[in-house]
Amino acid sequence: MHLATVVALIIGSDKKKLAIYMTISVIGWTVILTITTITGIMQLK
């Protein structure tokens, strides 16, 4: 996600949609990082 796109979304969309998008984005990254960490630990054992 490019910064310009994020800025365009902030300007072009209402706050509710942005809040939902940000929440989904944060949850998505958390899941990806968790899976990556667990996979990394499993490979070390």
PDB file of N, CA and C in Angstrom:
ATOM      1  N   MET A   1       0.852  -1.202   0.000  1.00  0.00           N
ATOM      2  CA  MET A   1       0.000   0.000   0.000  1.00  0.00           C
ATOM      3  C   MET A   1       0.882   1.245   0.000  1.00  0.00           C
ATOM      4  N   HIS A   2       0.743   2.063  -1.038  1.00  0.00           N
ATOM      5  CA  HIS A   2       1.551   3.281  -1.140  1.00  0.00           C
ATOM      6  C   HIS A   2       0.961   4.394  -0.288  1.00  0.00           C
ATOM      7  N   LEU A   3       1.827   5.272   0.190  1.00  0.00           N
ATOM      8  CA  LEU A   3       1.407   6.382   1.050  1.00  0.00           C
ATOM      9  C   LEU A   3       0.417   7.292   0.330  1.00  0.00           C
ATOM     10  N   ALA A   4       0.658   7.539  -0.961  1.00  0.00           N
ATOM     11  CA  ALA A   4      -0.234   8.389  -1.762  1.00  0.00           C
ATOM     12  C   ALA A   4      -1.645   7.805  -1.817  1.00  0.00           C
ATOM     13  N   THR A   5      -1.723   6.486  -1.933  1.00  0.00           N
ATOM     14  CA  THR A   5      -3.023   5.810  -1.968  1.00  0.00           C
ATOM     15  C   THR A   5      -3.750   5.974  -0.641  1.00  0.00           C
ATOM     16  N   VAL A   6      -2.998   5.840   0.448  1.00  0.00           N
ATOM     17  CA  VAL A   6      -3.579   6.001   1.785  1.00  0.00           C
ATOM     18  C   VAL A   6      -4.106   7.417   1.967  1.00  0.00           C
ATOM     19  N   VAL A   7      -3.308   8.403   1.558  1.00  0.00           N
ATOM     20  CA  VAL A   7      -3.719   9.812   1.655  1.00  0.00           C
ATOM     21  C   VAL A   7      -4.975  10.050   0.824  1.00  0.00           C
ATOM     22  N   ALA A   8      -5.003   9.490  -0.395  1.00  0.00           N
ATOM     23  CA  ALA A   8      -6.173   9.619  -1.266  1.00  0.00           C
ATOM     24  C   ALA A   8      -7.413   9.011  -0.614  1.00  0.00           C
ATOM     25  N   LEU A   9      -7.228   7.866   0.049  1.00  0.00           N
ATOM     26  CA  LEU A   9      -8.339   7.219   0.754  1.00  0.00           C
ATOM     27  C   LEU A   9      -8.852   8.086   1.898  1.00  0.00           C
ATOM     28  N   ILE A  10      -7.916   8.685   2.644  1.00  0.00           N
ATOM     29  CA  ILE A  10      -8.294   9.533   3.775  1.00  0.00           C
ATOM     30  C   ILE A  10      -9.102  10.727   3.284  1.00  0.00           C
ATOM     31  N   ILE A  11      -8.632  11.353   2.192  1.00  0.00           N
ATOM     32  CA  ILE A  11      -9.301  12.539   1.652  1.00  0.00           C
ATOM     33  C   ILE A  11     -10.616  12.147   0.977  1.00  0.00           C
ATOM     34  N   GLY A  12     -10.591  11.031   0.215  1.00  0.00           N
ATOM     35  CA  GLY A  12     -11.709  10.665  -0.645  1.00  0.00           C
ATOM     36  C   GLY A  12     -12.816   9.878   0.029  1.00  0.00           C
ATOM     37  N   SER A  13     -12.577   9.312   1.197  1.00  0.00           N
ATOM     38  CA  SER A  13     -13.585   8.456   1.822  1.00  0.00           C
ATOM     39  C   SER A  13     -13.986   8.980   3.192  1.00  0.00           C
ATOM     40  N   ASP A  14     -15.138   8.516   3.644  1.00  0.00           N
ATOM     41  CA  ASP A  14     -15.598   8.915   4.972  1.00  0.00           C
ATOM     42  C   ASP A  14     -14.809   8.173   6.042  1.00  0.00           C
ATOM     43  N   LYS A  15     -14.855   8.704   7.250  1.00  0.00           N
ATOM     44  CA  LYS A  15     -14.041   8.207   8.356  1.00  0.00           C
ATOM     45  C   LYS A  15     -14.376   6.753   8.722  1.00  0.00           C
ATOM     46  N   LYS A  16     -15.650   6.387   8.594  1.00  0.00           N
ATOM     47  CA  LYS A  16     -16.079   5.042   8.985  1.00  0.00           C
ATOM     48  C   LYS A  16     -15.403   3.978   8.124  1.00  0.00           C
ATOM     49  N   LYS A  17     -15.416   4.170   6.797  1.00  0.00           N
ATOM     50  CA  LYS A  17     -14.778   3.223   5.884  1.00  0.00           C
ATOM     51  C   LYS A  17     -13.292   3.134   6.163  1.00  0.00           C
ATOM     52  N   LEU A  18     -12.669   4.268   6.426  1.00  0.00           N
ATOM     53  CA  LEU A  18     -11.235   4.309   6.711  1.00  0.00           C
ATOM     54  C   LEU A  18     -10.917   3.534   7.986  1.00  0.00           C
ATOM     55  N   ALA A  19     -11.735   3.737   9.018  1.00  0.00           N
ATOM     56  CA  ALA A  19     -11.536   3.039  10.291  1.00  0.00           C
ATOM     57  C   ALA A  19     -11.642   1.528  10.098  1.00  0.00           C
ATOM     58  N   ILE A  20     -12.630   1.096   9.321  1.00  0.00           N
ATOM     59  CA  ILE A  20     -12.815  -0.328   9.037  1.00  0.00           C
ATOM     60  C   ILE A  20     -11.602  -0.869   8.282  1.00  0.00           C
ATOM     61  N   TYR A  21     -11.158  -0.111   7.261  1.00  0.00           N
ATOM     62  CA  TYR A  21     -10.005  -0.534   6.466  1.00  0.00           C
ATOM     63  C   TYR A  21      -8.754  -0.670   7.327  1.00  0.00           C
ATOM     64  N   MET A  22      -8.514   0.324   8.187  1.00  0.00           N
ATOM     65  CA  MET A  22      -7.339   0.315   9.059  1.00  0.00           C
ATOM     66  C   MET A  22      -7.376  -0.877  10.016  1.00  0.00           C
ATOM     67  N   THR A  23      -8.572  -1.156  10.564  1.00  0.00           N
ATOM     68  CA  THR A  23      -8.735  -2.276  11.492  1.00  0.00           C
ATOM     69  C   THR A  23      -8.415  -3.601  10.804  1.00  0.00           C
ATOM     70  N   ILE A  24      -8.987  -3.792   9.598  1.00  0.00           N
ATOM     71  CA  ILE A  24      -8.739  -5.015   8.832  1.00  0.00           C
ATOM     72  C   ILE A  24      -7.251  -5.142   8.510  1.00  0.00           C
ATOM     73  N   SER A  25      -6.633  -4.027   8.136  1.00  0.00           N
ATOM     74  CA  SER A  25      -5.210  -4.008   7.795  1.00  0.00           C
ATOM     75  C   SER A  25      -4.353  -4.436   8.987  1.00  0.00           C
ATOM     76  N   VAL A  26      -4.645  -3.866  10.159  1.00  0.00           N
ATOM     77  CA  VAL A  26      -3.894  -4.196  11.380  1.00  0.00           C
ATOM     78  C   VAL A  26      -4.074  -5.670  11.744  1.00  0.00           C
ATOM     79  N   ILE A  27      -5.318  -6.156  11.684  1.00  0.00           N
ATOM     80  CA  ILE A  27      -5.595  -7.561  11.997  1.00  0.00           C
ATOM     81  C   ILE A  27      -4.854  -8.470  11.016  1.00  0.00           C
ATOM     82  N   GLY A  28      -4.903  -8.111   9.740  1.00  0.00           N
ATOM     83  CA  GLY A  28      -4.223  -8.886   8.700  1.00  0.00           C
ATOM     84  C   GLY A  28      -2.732  -9.006   8.961  1.00  0.00           C
ATOM     85  N   TRP A  29      -2.093  -7.869   9.267  1.00  0.00           N
ATOM     86  CA  TRP A  29      -0.651  -7.875   9.541  1.00  0.00           C
ATOM     87  C   TRP A  29      -0.323  -8.679  10.788  1.00  0.00           C
ATOM     88  N   THR A  30      -1.165  -8.567  11.819  1.00  0.00           N
ATOM     89  CA  THR A  30      -0.953  -9.317  13.061  1.00  0.00           C
ATOM     90  C   THR A  30      -0.987 -10.816  12.786  1.00  0.00           C
ATOM     91  N   VAL A  31      -1.969 -11.246  11.999  1.00  0.00           N
ATOM     92  CA  VAL A  31      -2.097 -12.666  11.648  1.00  0.00           C
ATOM     93  C   VAL A  31      -0.866 -13.133  10.872  1.00  0.00           C
ATOM     94  N   ILE A  32      -0.449 -12.343   9.865  1.00  0.00           N
ATOM     95  CA  ILE A  32       0.713 -12.697   9.044  1.00  0.00           C
ATOM     96  C   ILE A  32       1.969 -12.813   9.909  1.00  0.00           C
ATOM     97  N   LEU A  33       2.177 -11.821  10.781  1.00  0.00           N
ATOM     98  CA  LEU A  33       3.360 -11.827  11.651  1.00  0.00           C
ATOM     99  C   LEU A  33       3.340 -13.008  12.619  1.00  0.00           C
ATOM    100  N   THR A  34       2.155 -13.315  13.160  1.00  0.00           N
ATOM    101  CA  THR A  34       2.016 -14.439  14.091  1.00  0.00           C
ATOM    102  C   THR A  34       2.352 -15.756  13.399  1.00  0.00           C
ATOM    103  N   ILE A  35       1.783 -15.965  12.206  1.00  0.00           N
ATOM    104  CA  ILE A  35       2.043 -17.192  11.441  1.00  0.00           C
ATOM    105  C   ILE A  35       3.533 -17.297  11.111  1.00  0.00           C
ATOM    106  N   THR A  36       4.131 -16.182  10.685  1.00  0.00           N
ATOM    107  CA  THR A  36       5.558 -16.161  10.343  1.00  0.00           C
ATOM    108  C   THR A  36       6.408 -16.521  11.553  1.00  0.00           C
ATOM    109  N   THR A  37       6.067 -15.951  12.706  1.00  0.00           N
ATOM    110  CA  THR A  37       6.809 -16.218  13.944  1.00  0.00           C
ATOM    111  C   THR A  37       6.696 -17.688  14.346  1.00  0.00           C
ATOM    112  N   ILE A  38       5.474 -18.226  14.318  1.00  0.00           N
ATOM    113  CA  ILE A  38       5.247 -19.628  14.691  1.00  0.00           C
ATOM    114  C   ILE A  38       6.011 -20.551  13.743  1.00  0.00           C
ATOM    115  N   THR A  39       5.944 -20.260  12.435  1.00  0.00           N
ATOM    116  CA  THR A  39       6.655 -21.062  11.437  1.00  0.00           C
ATOM    117  C   THR A  39       8.152 -21.024  11.697  1.00  0.00           C
ATOM    118  N   GLY A  40       8.678 -19.840  12.021  1.00  0.00           N
ATOM    119  CA  GLY A  40      10.100 -19.673  12.323  1.00  0.00           C
ATOM    120  C   GLY A  40      10.527 -20.480  13.533  1.00  0.00           C
ATOM    121  N   ILE A  41       9.710 -20.462  14.583  1.00  0.00           N
ATOM    122  CA  ILE A  41      10.009 -21.215  15.809  1.00  0.00           C
ATOM    123  C   ILE A  41       9.981 -22.720  15.527  1.00  0.00           C
ATOM    124  N   MET A  42       8.994 -23.165  14.746  1.00  0.00           N
ATOM    125  CA  MET A  42       8.870 -24.582  14.404  1.00  0.00           C
ATOM    126  C   MET A  42      10.101 -25.068  13.646  1.00  0.00           C
ATOM    127  N   GLN A  43      10.614 -24.232  12.735  1.00  0.00           N
ATOM    128  CA  GLN A  43      11.778 -24.611  11.929  1.00  0.00           C
ATOM    129  C   GLN A  43      13.041 -24.694  12.779  1.00  0.00           C
ATOM    130  N   LEU A  44      13.119 -23.880  13.845  1.00  0.00           N
ATOM    131  CA  LEU A  44      14.296 -23.890  14.715  1.00  0.00           C
ATOM    132  C   LEU A  44      14.379 -25.157  15.563  1.00  0.00           C
ATOM    133  N   LYS A  45      13.224 -25.731  15.904  1.00  0.00           N
ATOM    134  CA  LYS A  45      13.198 -26.901  16.796  1.00  0.00           C
ATOM    135  C   LYS A  45      13.687 -28.176  16.116  1.00  0.00           C
TER     136      LYS A  45
END
